[in-house]
Amino acid sequence: MAEPFDILSHVQPHFLDLDAYEAVDPPEVLAERAGIPESQVVKLNGNENPYGPSPRVMEALANLDRVHIYPDPQQVALREAIGHYMDVAPEYIVAGNGSDEIIDLLFRALLGPGAGVVNCTPTFGMYSFTAHVVGAKAIEVPRNDEFQIDVPKVIKTALTSSKIVVLASPNNPTGNSVPVADIQRLLDAGLLVILDEAYGEFGGESVVQMVASHSNLVVLRTFSKWAGLAGLRVGYGVMAPALAEVIMRAKPPYNVSQAAEAAVLASLDDLPYIRERVSWMVREKQRLYGLLNDVSGLDACPSDANFILCRTTENRGQRVYEALARRGVFVRYFSNPRLRDYVRISVGTPEETDRLMDALYEALKE
């Protein structure tokens, strides 16, 4: 009898010890966990747009008659529309299945096995996760007590180990932006900077226009947050045309679906509607920030994004998270030791804010 085939012996070693990305569960799973109908779930853990997409998106999807046809592999209409929105030429744009795919493609192109990318923690977990997937490593340079980056240390670390830095601005989960002057210092040091502006429509200062004069700058954006298209997965990178051409050749040919492309085009054709909802979310964030800072035992961090990171007292981050979940209110808790005292709360509708606050006061009594 033949020996059993050892399939795991054929798996790359760095895959065997890969920790899965800590993703958020869908509403139906959250409802089951809390023992309530899905309609009663207050989902404030994914930084999604609570108002959903433009009605023109739903109309475009309802009338989509090309689902049997492969999408355009060259993304001509998509790149033109996004380029117009960003005020850059289409050849600077590469669209992907969420900005996560653009991160993956860039890391595959720029990082060989054993190579490193400087990662300023705490930050978005996909950077270290994707580095591990491609056989590279994330070299951590911790942020300071105010969650700002240590520019001299980043430069020193990158020049001696990587020359590639990935940053989020506004940063997830802390909400603060990287000053443009700091980005300029990194670029002037000869580093390749990948700047993730996933929350750029909510606040902070964009550096997209600097890409044309800095070939060592890549800016990432997404339609998941501000445009309400998280479920359709469309993100993009703005980068030097020479790099964009390489990434376009390397990407899966049909990586953005017909439905996703139709949704993006409809969204960009209805910017006043979406921008109004974004302004609602910014106002609600300001209200939420004030309410949270009035709660004894909580300290809300200022945020340029559509979420607020809150510090709890007495190492109660996980306890608060679990107490809220039992009441059908779901926020985000991170396993990162530096964030053990924190929860991250996405901005919802005014009604969701009110339910959050009622549940929060009850949770803090436990």
Protein backbone atom coordinates (compact mmCIF):
# COMPACT_ATOMS: atom_id res chain seq x y z
CA MET A 1 0.00 0.00 0.00
CA ALA A 2 1.39 3.37 -1.01
CA GLU A 3 2.34 5.88 1.68
CA PRO A 4 -0.19 8.74 2.10
CA PHE A 5 0.73 11.72 -0.03
CA ASP A 6 2.17 14.48 2.17
CA ILE A 7 0.53 17.48 0.53
CA LEU A 8 1.87 19.96 3.11
CA SER A 9 5.44 19.10 2.20
CA HIS A 10 4.79 20.83 -1.13
CA VAL A 11 3.55 24.05 0.47
CA GLN A 12 6.00 26.93 0.75
CA PRO A 13 7.33 27.12 4.34
CA HIS A 14 6.25 30.72 4.88
CA PHE A 15 2.67 29.71 4.07
CA LEU A 16 2.61 27.05 6.76
CA ASP A 17 3.02 29.56 9.59
CA LEU A 18 0.87 32.27 7.99
CA ASP A 19 -1.60 33.88 10.39
CA ALA A 20 -4.91 34.68 8.74
CA TYR A 21 -5.93 38.33 8.46
CA GLU A 22 -8.41 39.26 11.20
CA ALA A 23 -11.42 40.13 9.05
CA VAL A 24 -14.87 41.22 10.28
CA ASP A 25 -17.85 38.88 10.13
CA PRO A 26 -20.94 39.61 7.99
CA PRO A 27 -24.20 40.85 9.59
CA GLU A 28 -25.93 37.45 9.58
CA VAL A 29 -23.09 35.92 11.61
CA LEU A 30 -23.10 38.86 14.03
CA ALA A 31 -26.87 38.53 14.46
CA GLU A 32 -26.59 34.84 15.27
CA ARG A 33 -23.82 35.54 17.76
CA ALA A 34 -25.93 38.13 19.58
CA GLY A 35 -29.15 36.11 19.29
CA ILE A 36 -31.05 38.93 17.58
CA PRO A 37 -32.59 39.51 14.12
CA GLU A 38 -30.15 40.79 11.53
CA SER A 39 -32.19 43.99 11.23
CA GLN A 40 -31.25 44.84 14.84
CA VAL A 41 -27.48 44.54 14.37
CA VAL A 42 -25.53 47.78 14.74
CA LYS A 43 -22.45 47.08 12.63
CA LEU A 44 -19.74 49.59 13.47
CA ASN A 45 -16.69 47.40 12.92
CA GLY A 46 -15.89 47.64 9.18
CA ASN A 47 -15.66 51.38 8.44
CA GLU A 48 -18.35 50.97 5.79
CA ASN A 49 -20.65 53.70 4.49
CA PRO A 50 -23.92 53.19 6.42
CA TYR A 51 -25.90 54.94 3.68
CA GLY A 52 -24.80 52.59 0.94
CA PRO A 53 -24.02 53.57 -2.65
CA SER A 54 -25.60 56.10 -4.95
CA PRO A 55 -29.04 55.09 -6.29
CA ARG A 56 -27.45 55.29 -9.73
CA VAL A 57 -25.26 52.34 -8.75
CA MET A 58 -28.30 50.20 -7.97
CA GLU A 59 -29.89 51.26 -11.26
CA ALA A 60 -26.71 50.42 -13.19
CA LEU A 61 -26.50 47.00 -11.56
CA ALA A 62 -30.16 46.28 -12.22
CA ASN A 63 -29.71 47.13 -15.90
CA LEU A 64 -26.37 45.39 -16.36
CA ASP A 65 -26.61 43.25 -19.48
CA ARG A 66 -22.94 42.30 -19.95
CA VAL A 67 -22.43 39.74 -17.21
CA HIS A 68 -21.78 37.03 -19.81
CA ILE A 69 -18.95 39.10 -21.33
CA TYR A 70 -15.48 39.36 -19.80
CA PRO A 71 -14.62 42.86 -18.52
CA ASP A 72 -12.05 45.02 -20.29
CA PRO A 73 -8.60 43.75 -19.24
CA GLN A 74 -7.09 47.15 -20.03
CA GLN A 75 -9.67 48.97 -17.86
CA VAL A 76 -9.88 51.78 -20.42
CA ALA A 77 -13.18 53.37 -19.33
CA LEU A 78 -12.42 52.72 -15.67
CA ARG A 79 -8.96 54.25 -15.75
CA GLU A 80 -10.21 57.27 -17.66
CA ALA A 81 -13.02 57.90 -15.18
CA ILE A 82 -10.81 57.44 -12.12
CA GLY A 83 -8.07 59.56 -13.68
CA HIS A 84 -10.59 62.35 -14.27
CA TYR A 85 -11.75 62.09 -10.66
CA MET A 86 -8.16 62.19 -9.37
CA ASP A 87 -7.05 64.79 -11.93
CA VAL A 88 -4.29 62.57 -13.29
CA ALA A 89 -3.77 60.92 -16.68
CA PRO A 90 -5.25 57.40 -17.08
CA GLU A 91 -1.81 55.84 -17.51
CA TYR A 92 -1.12 56.59 -13.83
CA ILE A 93 -4.05 54.39 -12.72
CA VAL A 94 -4.32 50.66 -12.04
CA ALA A 95 -7.63 49.34 -10.68
CA GLY A 96 -8.00 46.21 -8.64
CA ASN A 97 -10.25 43.90 -6.69
CA GLY A 98 -10.13 46.27 -3.76
CA SER A 99 -6.98 48.18 -2.85
CA ASP A 100 -5.92 44.93 -1.15
CA GLU A 101 -5.18 43.50 -4.59
CA ILE A 102 -3.09 46.54 -5.51
CA ILE A 103 -1.08 46.06 -2.30
CA ASP A 104 -0.59 42.42 -3.24
CA LEU A 105 0.50 43.23 -6.79
CA LEU A 106 2.90 45.95 -5.67
CA PHE A 107 4.48 43.73 -3.04
CA ARG A 108 4.89 40.90 -5.55
CA ALA A 109 6.55 43.30 -7.99
CA LEU A 110 8.76 45.12 -5.48
CA LEU A 111 9.60 42.57 -2.76
CA GLY A 112 11.49 39.37 -3.43
CA PRO A 113 11.71 36.46 -0.97
CA GLY A 114 13.37 37.66 2.22
CA ALA A 115 13.08 41.34 1.27
CA GLY A 116 11.59 43.83 3.69
CA VAL A 117 9.13 46.69 3.77
CA VAL A 118 9.09 49.22 6.60
CA ASN A 119 5.74 49.17 8.38
CA CYS A 120 4.79 51.78 11.00
CA THR A 121 2.69 50.03 13.62
CA PRO A 122 -0.03 49.97 14.76
CA THR A 123 -1.56 50.17 11.30
CA PHE A 124 -3.62 48.27 8.72
CA GLY A 125 -2.91 44.58 9.07
CA MET A 126 -2.87 43.83 5.34
CA TYR A 127 0.63 45.27 4.95
CA SER A 128 2.38 42.75 7.19
CA PHE A 129 0.01 39.98 6.08
CA THR A 130 0.71 40.53 2.38
CA ALA A 131 4.45 40.84 2.96
CA HIS A 132 4.34 37.40 4.59
CA VAL A 133 2.26 35.97 1.72
CA VAL A 134 4.86 36.99 -0.86
CA GLY A 135 7.73 35.62 1.23
CA ALA A 136 8.95 39.02 2.39
CA LYS A 137 8.92 40.55 5.86
CA ALA A 138 7.45 43.64 7.46
CA ILE A 139 10.07 45.56 9.43
CA GLU A 140 8.23 47.32 12.23
CA VAL A 141 9.01 50.89 13.24
CA PRO A 142 6.52 51.66 16.03
CA ARG A 143 4.62 54.94 16.08
CA ASN A 144 5.03 57.22 19.09
CA ASP A 145 2.52 57.69 21.92
CA GLU A 146 0.44 60.00 19.70
CA PHE A 147 0.61 57.43 16.88
CA GLN A 148 2.74 59.69 14.69
CA ILE A 149 5.58 58.16 12.68
CA ASP A 150 9.21 58.59 13.73
CA VAL A 151 10.54 60.01 10.46
CA PRO A 152 14.29 59.84 11.23
CA LYS A 153 13.96 56.25 12.45
CA VAL A 154 11.87 55.27 9.41
CA ILE A 155 14.49 56.73 7.08
CA LYS A 156 17.39 55.08 8.92
CA THR A 157 15.64 51.70 9.02
CA ALA A 158 14.59 51.83 5.39
CA LEU A 159 18.00 52.90 4.08
CA THR A 160 19.68 50.01 5.87
CA SER A 161 17.15 47.30 5.14
CA SER A 162 14.54 47.99 2.51
CA LYS A 163 14.17 51.42 0.88
CA ILE A 164 10.42 50.70 0.71
CA VAL A 165 7.94 52.17 3.21
CA VAL A 166 4.20 51.57 3.43
CA LEU A 167 2.02 54.06 5.30
CA ALA A 168 -1.67 54.73 5.74
CA SER A 169 -2.92 58.31 5.88
CA PRO A 170 -5.34 58.66 7.58
CA ASN A 171 -3.99 55.69 9.48
CA ASN A 172 -6.15 52.70 10.32
CA PRO A 173 -6.97 52.14 13.17
CA THR A 174 -5.66 55.33 14.80
CA GLY A 175 -7.32 57.88 12.48
CA ASN A 176 -4.47 60.39 12.31
CA SER A 177 -2.89 61.59 9.08
CA VAL A 178 0.78 61.73 8.12
CA PRO A 179 1.85 65.36 7.55
CA VAL A 180 2.71 66.05 3.94
CA ALA A 181 6.06 67.44 5.07
CA ASP A 182 6.90 64.03 6.54
CA ILE A 183 6.01 62.31 3.27
CA GLN A 184 8.25 64.77 1.44
CA ARG A 185 11.16 63.97 3.77
CA LEU A 186 10.78 60.26 3.06
CA LEU A 187 10.68 60.87 -0.69
CA ASP A 188 13.69 63.20 -0.56
CA ALA A 189 15.60 60.44 1.24
CA GLY A 190 15.25 58.29 -1.86
CA LEU A 191 12.69 55.89 -0.40
CA LEU A 192 9.84 54.29 -2.30
CA VAL A 193 6.71 55.32 -0.39
CA ILE A 194 3.42 53.46 -0.78
CA LEU A 195 0.81 55.73 0.81
CA ASP A 196 -2.62 54.26 1.47
CA GLU A 197 -5.27 56.98 1.34
CA ALA A 198 -8.24 54.63 1.75
CA TYR A 199 -9.96 57.22 3.97
CA GLY A 200 -8.78 60.26 2.05
CA GLU A 201 -12.27 61.46 1.16
CA PHE A 202 -13.06 61.97 4.84
CA GLY A 203 -10.10 64.12 5.85
CA GLY A 204 -6.39 64.74 5.79
CA GLU A 205 -4.36 66.15 2.92
CA SER A 206 -3.86 64.03 -0.18
CA VAL A 207 -0.52 63.74 -1.96
CA VAL A 208 -1.92 62.32 -5.20
CA GLN A 209 -0.75 65.32 -7.18
CA MET A 210 2.83 64.68 -6.05
CA VAL A 211 2.97 61.37 -7.95
CA ALA A 212 3.64 63.15 -11.27
CA SER A 213 6.84 64.68 -9.90
CA HIS A 214 7.87 61.77 -7.65
CA SER A 215 8.22 58.39 -9.33
CA ASN A 216 9.02 56.93 -5.90
CA LEU A 217 5.49 57.63 -4.63
CA VAL A 218 2.47 55.35 -5.00
CA VAL A 219 -0.92 56.38 -3.66
CA LEU A 220 -3.69 53.86 -2.97
CA ARG A 221 -7.40 54.65 -2.92
CA THR A 222 -10.64 52.68 -2.67
CA PHE A 223 -14.36 52.97 -3.36
CA SER A 224 -15.20 50.75 -0.37
CA LYS A 225 -15.48 53.49 2.26
CA TRP A 226 -16.71 56.81 0.92
CA ALA A 227 -18.66 55.47 -2.10
CA GLY A 228 -20.34 52.56 -0.31
CA LEU A 229 -18.98 49.83 -2.60
CA ALA A 230 -17.24 47.62 -0.02
CA GLY A 231 -19.12 44.53 -1.21
CA LEU A 232 -18.12 45.04 -4.85
CA ARG A 233 -14.38 45.39 -4.14
CA VAL A 234 -12.86 48.17 -6.22
CA GLY A 235 -9.67 49.98 -5.33
CA TYR A 236 -6.88 51.56 -7.33
CA GLY A 237 -3.34 52.80 -7.25
CA VAL A 238 -1.94 56.05 -8.62
CA MET A 239 1.68 55.52 -9.62
CA ALA A 240 4.34 56.39 -12.18
CA PRO A 241 3.22 55.20 -15.64
CA ALA A 242 6.29 52.94 -15.96
CA LEU A 243 5.32 51.08 -12.78
CA ALA A 244 1.64 51.09 -13.72
CA GLU A 245 2.50 49.42 -17.03
CA VAL A 246 4.33 46.66 -15.15
CA ILE A 247 1.45 46.13 -12.73
CA MET A 248 -1.08 46.10 -15.59
CA ARG A 249 0.87 43.26 -17.20
CA ALA A 250 1.14 41.36 -13.92
CA LYS A 251 -2.47 41.65 -12.72
CA PRO A 252 -5.09 38.98 -13.47
CA PRO A 253 -6.58 40.05 -16.80
CA TYR A 254 -10.19 40.38 -15.65
CA ASN A 255 -9.64 41.43 -12.04
CA VAL A 256 -12.40 44.07 -11.89
CA SER A 257 -15.83 42.61 -12.70
CA GLN A 258 -18.43 44.10 -15.01
CA ALA A 259 -20.63 44.81 -11.97
CA ALA A 260 -17.83 46.54 -10.08
CA GLU A 261 -16.88 48.66 -13.09
CA ALA A 262 -20.50 49.68 -13.68
CA ALA A 263 -20.80 50.66 -10.01
CA VAL A 264 -17.68 52.82 -10.11
CA LEU A 265 -18.73 54.61 -13.29
CA ALA A 266 -22.19 55.26 -11.83
CA SER A 267 -20.66 56.52 -8.58
CA LEU A 268 -18.36 58.95 -10.35
CA ASP A 269 -21.36 60.17 -12.32
CA ASP A 270 -23.16 61.07 -9.09
CA LEU A 271 -20.49 62.75 -6.99
CA PRO A 272 -22.75 65.44 -5.43
CA TYR A 273 -24.97 62.73 -3.95
CA ILE A 274 -22.08 60.72 -2.50
CA ARG A 275 -20.22 63.76 -1.23
CA GLU A 276 -23.31 64.89 0.62
CA ARG A 277 -23.45 61.53 2.43
CA VAL A 278 -19.75 61.82 3.20
CA SER A 279 -20.43 65.22 4.78
CA TRP A 280 -23.20 63.61 6.86
CA MET A 281 -20.70 61.03 8.09
CA VAL A 282 -18.12 63.69 8.94
CA ARG A 283 -20.71 65.64 10.96
CA GLU A 284 -21.83 62.47 12.72
CA LYS A 285 -18.19 61.66 13.53
CA GLN A 286 -17.89 65.05 15.21
CA ARG A 287 -21.03 64.37 17.25
CA LEU A 288 -19.81 60.88 18.16
CA TYR A 289 -16.41 62.24 19.18
CA GLY A 290 -18.05 64.67 21.60
CA LEU A 291 -20.33 62.01 23.05
CA LEU A 292 -17.49 59.55 23.57
CA ASN A 293 -15.30 62.10 25.31
CA ASP A 294 -18.13 62.82 27.75
CA VAL A 295 -18.03 59.20 28.92
CA SER A 296 -16.01 58.57 32.06
CA GLY A 297 -13.42 55.89 31.36
CA LEU A 298 -13.09 56.58 27.63
CA ASP A 299 -10.66 58.74 25.69
CA ALA A 300 -11.50 59.28 22.01
CA CYS A 301 -8.63 59.94 19.62
CA PRO A 302 -9.05 62.72 17.02
CA SER A 303 -9.64 61.20 13.58
CA ASP A 304 -9.47 62.29 9.95
CA ALA A 305 -11.23 59.07 8.89
CA ASN A 306 -14.75 57.65 9.31
CA PHE A 307 -13.98 55.91 12.58
CA ILE A 308 -12.75 56.79 16.06
CA LEU A 309 -10.24 54.88 18.13
CA CYS A 310 -11.12 54.94 21.83
CA ARG A 311 -8.88 54.14 24.76
CA THR A 312 -10.50 52.49 27.74
CA THR A 313 -9.19 52.37 31.28
CA GLU A 314 -8.06 49.39 33.32
CA ASN A 315 -7.28 47.16 30.31
CA ARG A 316 -10.96 46.97 29.48
CA GLY A 317 -10.80 47.06 25.69
CA GLN A 318 -11.81 43.45 25.13
CA ARG A 319 -14.39 43.54 27.93
CA VAL A 320 -16.07 46.59 26.41
CA TYR A 321 -16.02 44.99 22.97
CA GLU A 322 -17.64 41.80 24.28
CA ALA A 323 -20.22 43.67 26.38
CA LEU A 324 -21.28 45.72 23.35
CA ALA A 325 -21.49 42.58 21.20
CA ARG A 326 -23.88 40.98 23.68
CA ARG A 327 -26.14 43.98 23.11
CA GLY A 328 -26.00 43.68 19.32
CA VAL A 329 -23.50 46.52 18.81
CA PHE A 330 -20.32 45.43 17.07
CA VAL A 331 -17.15 47.52 17.14
CA ARG A 332 -13.57 46.44 16.39
CA TYR A 333 -11.09 45.03 18.87
CA PHE A 334 -7.52 44.19 17.87
CA SER A 335 -5.22 41.48 19.18
CA ASN A 336 -2.21 43.81 18.85
CA PRO A 337 -0.79 44.15 22.40
CA ARG A 338 -0.39 47.88 21.98
CA LEU A 339 -4.12 48.21 21.29
CA ARG A 340 -5.39 45.99 24.10
CA ASP A 341 -6.92 49.01 25.86
CA TYR A 342 -8.67 50.27 22.72
CA VAL A 343 -11.76 49.72 20.59
CA ARG A 344 -12.34 51.22 17.15
CA ILE A 345 -15.82 52.51 16.37
CA SER A 346 -17.00 53.19 12.82
CA VAL A 347 -19.24 56.16 12.16
CA GLY A 348 -22.83 55.04 11.56
CA THR A 349 -26.14 56.82 11.20
CA PRO A 350 -27.39 59.08 14.02
CA GLU A 351 -29.74 56.29 15.10
CA GLU A 352 -26.83 53.84 15.26
CA THR A 353 -24.80 56.34 17.29
CA ASP A 354 -27.65 56.60 19.78
CA ARG A 355 -27.89 52.81 20.14
CA LEU A 356 -24.12 52.60 20.54
CA MET A 357 -24.11 55.16 23.34
CA ASP A 358 -26.98 53.47 25.21
CA ALA A 359 -25.18 50.12 24.97
CA LEU A 360 -21.85 51.68 25.90
CA TYR A 361 -23.14 53.18 29.14
CA GLU A 362 -24.57 49.78 30.06
CA ALA A 363 -21.37 47.97 29.09
CA LEU A 364 -19.19 50.21 31.22
CA LYS A 365 -21.26 49.36 34.29
CA GLU A 366 -20.29 45.70 34.05
